[in-house]
Protein backbone atom coordinates (compact mmCIF):
# COMPACT_ATOMS: atom_id res chain seq x y z
CA MET A 1 -128.07 159.06 180.81
CA ASP A 2 -125.01 159.22 182.91
CA ARG A 3 -127.26 159.13 186.48
CA PRO A 4 -130.26 157.15 187.84
CA ILE A 5 -133.93 157.97 186.42
CA THR A 6 -135.14 160.17 189.39
CA THR A 7 -138.85 160.34 190.60
CA LEU A 8 -139.91 162.90 193.19
CA PHE A 9 -142.26 160.73 195.35
CA MET A 10 -144.30 162.92 198.08
CA LEU A 11 -147.18 162.82 200.31
CA MET A 12 -148.35 166.63 200.21
CA SER A 13 -151.45 168.78 201.52
CA VAL A 14 -153.68 170.54 199.08
CA ASP A 15 -151.61 173.55 199.65
CA GLY A 16 -148.49 171.89 199.04
CA LYS A 17 -147.28 171.15 202.57
CA ILE A 18 -145.08 168.10 203.33
CA SER A 19 -145.20 168.85 207.28
CA THR A 20 -147.75 169.84 209.35
CA GLY A 21 -145.65 172.58 211.00
CA VAL A 22 -142.75 174.11 211.23
CA THR A 23 -141.00 172.29 214.31
CA ASP A 24 -139.47 168.43 214.12
CA ASP A 25 -141.90 167.63 216.74
CA LEU A 26 -144.67 167.77 213.90
CA ASP A 27 -144.78 165.32 210.91
CA VAL A 28 -147.18 164.03 208.60
CA ASP A 29 -146.27 160.31 209.43
CA LYS A 30 -146.98 161.11 212.99
CA ASP A 31 -149.89 163.59 212.59
CA PHE A 32 -151.94 162.48 209.80
CA PRO A 33 -152.84 159.29 211.38
CA GLN A 34 -154.46 161.32 214.16
CA ILE A 35 -156.65 163.51 212.25
CA ALA A 36 -160.08 162.41 210.97
CA GLY A 37 -160.88 163.08 207.40
CA VAL A 38 -157.35 162.50 206.68
CA SER A 39 -156.39 159.31 208.44
CA GLU A 40 -158.96 157.25 206.77
CA GLY A 41 -156.87 157.22 203.35
CA LEU A 42 -153.57 157.47 204.25
CA HIS A 43 -152.89 153.88 203.81
CA GLN A 44 -153.20 154.40 200.01
CA TYR A 45 -150.00 156.34 199.98
CA TYR A 46 -147.77 154.00 202.12
CA GLU A 47 -149.40 151.12 199.65
CA ILE A 48 -148.02 153.39 196.75
CA GLU A 49 -144.91 153.85 198.49
CA GLN A 50 -144.48 149.88 198.44
CA THR A 51 -144.72 150.02 194.37
CA THR A 52 -141.72 152.78 194.13
CA ASP A 53 -137.77 152.14 192.79
CA LEU A 54 -135.67 149.64 194.88
CA TRP A 55 -133.50 152.62 195.63
CA THR A 56 -134.69 155.48 197.51
CA LEU A 57 -132.89 158.74 198.44
CA ASN A 58 -133.73 160.57 201.67
CA SER A 59 -132.18 163.24 204.27
CA GLY A 60 -130.75 162.36 207.34
CA ARG A 61 -132.91 165.38 209.08
CA VAL A 62 -136.02 163.80 207.94
CA GLN A 63 -134.91 160.04 209.06
CA ALA A 64 -133.83 161.98 212.47
CA LYS A 65 -137.33 163.32 212.87
CA ILE A 66 -139.23 159.99 212.68
CA GLY A 67 -136.51 158.39 215.32
CA VAL A 68 -134.41 156.05 213.73
CA ASN A 69 -131.25 157.36 216.07
CA THR A 70 -133.35 155.41 218.64
CA LYS A 71 -134.97 152.76 217.34
CA LYS A 72 -134.28 148.97 217.68
CA MET A 73 -132.92 147.27 214.50
CA PRO A 74 -135.11 146.61 211.80
CA ASN A 75 -135.26 143.04 209.79
CA ARG A 76 -133.25 143.70 206.00
CA THR A 77 -135.61 144.88 202.93
CA PRO A 78 -134.39 144.64 199.54
CA VAL A 79 -134.59 148.38 199.34
CA SER A 80 -131.01 150.01 198.77
CA PHE A 81 -131.18 153.69 200.78
CA VAL A 82 -129.14 156.99 199.98
CA LEU A 83 -129.03 159.11 202.76
CA ILE A 84 -127.75 162.81 202.86
CA ASP A 85 -126.47 163.69 205.90
CA ASN A 86 -123.82 166.09 208.06
CA LYS A 87 -125.20 166.15 211.32
CA HIS A 88 -128.62 164.79 212.12
CA LEU A 89 -127.49 160.79 212.18
CA ASN A 90 -125.79 158.92 215.30
CA GLU A 91 -124.05 155.65 214.97
CA ASN A 92 -127.61 153.92 216.17
CA GLY A 93 -129.34 155.78 212.81
CA ILE A 94 -126.37 154.68 210.71
CA GLN A 95 -126.62 151.21 211.85
CA TYR A 96 -130.10 151.06 211.28
CA PHE A 97 -130.28 151.62 207.75
CA CYS A 98 -127.30 149.30 207.33
CA ALA A 99 -129.42 146.32 209.14
CA LEU A 100 -132.56 147.86 207.12
CA SER A 101 -130.69 148.19 203.49
CA LYS A 102 -129.93 145.90 200.76
CA MET A 103 -127.36 148.56 200.20
CA PHE A 104 -126.78 151.59 202.08
CA VAL A 105 -125.08 154.73 200.83
CA LEU A 106 -124.44 157.98 203.05
CA VAL A 107 -123.27 161.10 200.93
CA THR A 108 -121.74 163.67 203.44
CA SER A 109 -119.64 166.74 203.49
CA ASN A 110 -118.51 166.09 207.02
CA GLU A 111 -115.41 164.30 207.53
CA ASN A 112 -116.14 163.70 210.91
CA HIS A 113 -119.46 162.07 210.60
CA PRO A 114 -119.97 159.52 213.03
CA ALA A 115 -120.45 157.12 210.02
CA PHE A 116 -117.00 156.72 209.61
CA ASN A 117 -116.62 154.58 212.50
CA ILE A 118 -119.08 151.90 211.03
CA LYS A 119 -117.76 148.96 209.20
CA GLU A 120 -120.32 146.86 207.31
CA ASP A 121 -120.37 145.26 204.35
CA ASN A 122 -123.38 146.81 202.45
CA PHE A 123 -122.30 150.16 203.79
CA HIS A 124 -120.59 153.07 201.56
CA ILE A 125 -119.65 156.51 202.03
CA ILE A 126 -119.62 159.00 199.49
CA TYR A 127 -117.51 162.10 201.00
CA GLN A 128 -117.82 165.29 198.82
CA LYS A 129 -116.06 168.49 200.21
CA GLU A 130 -119.09 170.41 199.03
CA LEU A 131 -122.29 168.81 198.12
CA SER A 132 -122.81 167.67 194.43
CA LEU A 133 -126.14 166.34 193.96
CA LYS A 134 -125.21 165.40 190.28
CA ASN A 135 -121.95 163.91 191.01
CA ALA A 136 -123.37 161.76 193.75
CA LEU A 137 -126.31 160.66 191.55
CA ILE A 138 -123.49 159.74 188.71
CA LYS A 139 -121.20 157.82 191.18
CA LEU A 140 -124.72 155.94 192.31
CA LYS A 141 -125.13 154.65 189.14
CA SER A 142 -121.46 153.86 187.88
CA GLU A 143 -119.85 152.89 191.20
CA TYR A 144 -123.35 150.94 192.83
CA GLY A 145 -125.60 150.06 189.80
CA CYS A 146 -128.38 152.69 190.61
CA GLU A 147 -130.77 152.71 187.53
CA ARG A 148 -133.63 154.51 188.85
CA ILE A 149 -134.30 155.93 192.40
CA THR A 150 -137.35 157.42 194.55
CA ILE A 151 -136.09 160.82 195.95
CA GLN A 152 -138.08 161.43 199.23
CA THR A 153 -135.97 164.41 200.76
CA GLY A 154 -137.07 167.61 202.37
CA GLY A 155 -138.31 170.97 200.79
CA THR A 156 -134.83 172.41 200.59
CA LEU A 157 -133.13 169.55 199.15
CA ASN A 158 -135.80 169.15 196.54
CA GLY A 159 -135.23 172.70 195.61
CA LEU A 160 -131.72 171.86 194.87
CA PHE A 161 -132.49 168.87 192.76
CA LEU A 162 -135.25 171.06 190.85
CA ARG A 163 -132.57 173.68 190.03
CA GLU A 164 -130.08 171.09 189.11
CA LYS A 165 -132.47 169.68 186.57
CA LEU A 166 -132.34 166.44 188.27
CA PHE A 167 -135.72 165.33 188.12
CA ASP A 168 -137.12 163.05 185.59
CA TYR A 169 -140.58 162.34 187.04
CA VAL A 170 -142.98 163.48 189.70
CA ASP A 171 -145.68 161.24 191.45
CA ILE A 172 -147.55 163.00 194.34
CA VAL A 173 -150.07 161.80 196.81
CA VAL A 174 -152.49 164.72 197.99
CA ALA A 175 -154.04 164.29 201.10
CA PRO A 176 -157.56 166.30 201.58
CA VAL A 177 -156.08 169.02 204.23
CA LEU A 178 -155.05 172.70 204.39
CA ILE A 179 -152.35 173.27 206.64
CA GLY A 180 -150.84 176.87 205.78
CA GLY A 181 -148.08 178.56 207.26
CA LYS A 182 -145.39 180.32 205.36
CA ASP A 183 -142.69 178.70 207.15
CA THR A 184 -143.94 174.89 207.05
CA SER A 185 -142.13 173.15 204.53
CA THR A 186 -143.45 172.73 201.25
CA LEU A 187 -142.78 170.11 197.99
CA ILE A 188 -140.33 172.55 196.75
CA ASP A 189 -138.37 175.04 198.99
CA GLY A 190 -135.03 176.58 198.87
CA LYS A 191 -134.06 180.15 197.33
CA SER A 192 -136.84 181.93 195.14
CA LEU A 193 -135.97 183.04 191.81
CA VAL A 194 -135.27 186.77 191.46
CA SER A 195 -135.64 187.61 187.93
CA GLN A 196 -137.06 186.28 184.75
CA ARG A 197 -133.97 185.35 183.71
CA GLU A 198 -133.82 182.52 185.98
CA LEU A 199 -137.17 181.27 184.27
CA SER A 200 -135.17 178.61 183.05
CA LYS A 201 -134.64 176.84 186.61
CA LEU A 202 -138.67 176.15 186.50
CA GLY A 203 -139.59 172.64 186.17
CA VAL A 204 -142.39 171.99 183.45
CA LEU A 205 -144.31 169.07 183.66
CA LYS A 206 -146.51 166.91 181.55
CA LEU A 207 -149.27 164.95 183.12
CA GLN A 208 -149.44 161.52 183.03
CA GLU A 209 -152.28 160.28 185.27
CA CYS A 210 -154.71 162.14 187.49
CA ALA A 211 -156.25 159.11 189.70
CA VAL A 212 -158.99 160.18 192.09
CA LEU A 213 -158.06 157.80 194.84
CA GLU A 214 -160.53 156.91 198.29
CA ASN A 215 -161.60 159.24 200.99
CA SER A 216 -160.73 162.28 198.61
CA TYR A 217 -157.12 161.45 198.18
CA LEU A 218 -155.44 162.01 194.55
CA ARG A 219 -152.44 161.06 192.81
CA LEU A 220 -150.79 162.88 190.18
CA ARG A 221 -147.98 161.44 187.92
CA TYR A 222 -146.02 163.73 185.92
CA GLU A 223 -142.99 163.58 183.33
CA VAL A 224 -140.67 166.70 184.01
CA ILE A 225 -140.30 167.87 180.17
CA HIS A 226 -137.51 170.77 180.87
């Protein structure tokens, strides 16, 4: 394979939501710890997250939501981070990930992104005139040695990965909560199919594991078969 093996790893509600609402002020990382019946088992998701790949891919919007643009510099970890971002991260956010990452790669289509002002030994930029997830993954493997990567982006980017057949595995932790709201982000968003001719764009899964966790949480692990 000319790209890394990918795993979509996410926390979602029983109805497939990955946020608690439609605005950036609402977020599962901030809100779930405050909800009785949900908070008690939440630690299991973060414990499983610590066992995922040493490369992880996220979006600048998600990271901006959780405040990296104003956070103090963290200690370095053994994890290499890839962020897809055009406008959500400022220089502090970029420096934050330079400090946090073994290797940090930014994928952007914005030639004026503030990241171009940052010079760090472990920081690299993949500039694309138009976003190509497949080409970015190929470059991550061929130029930076990424063999396996965990995908933790928002619903829209997850939708692009799905439609381009770039998921190999899916690993989902299901929280015991219903959120609702047709505009609230789900595990997979993006454009809906409009005809039966497009059914090949679906992601068909083979169950590998269904684990009942504590406090009514579930873990579902699948292989994407086509």
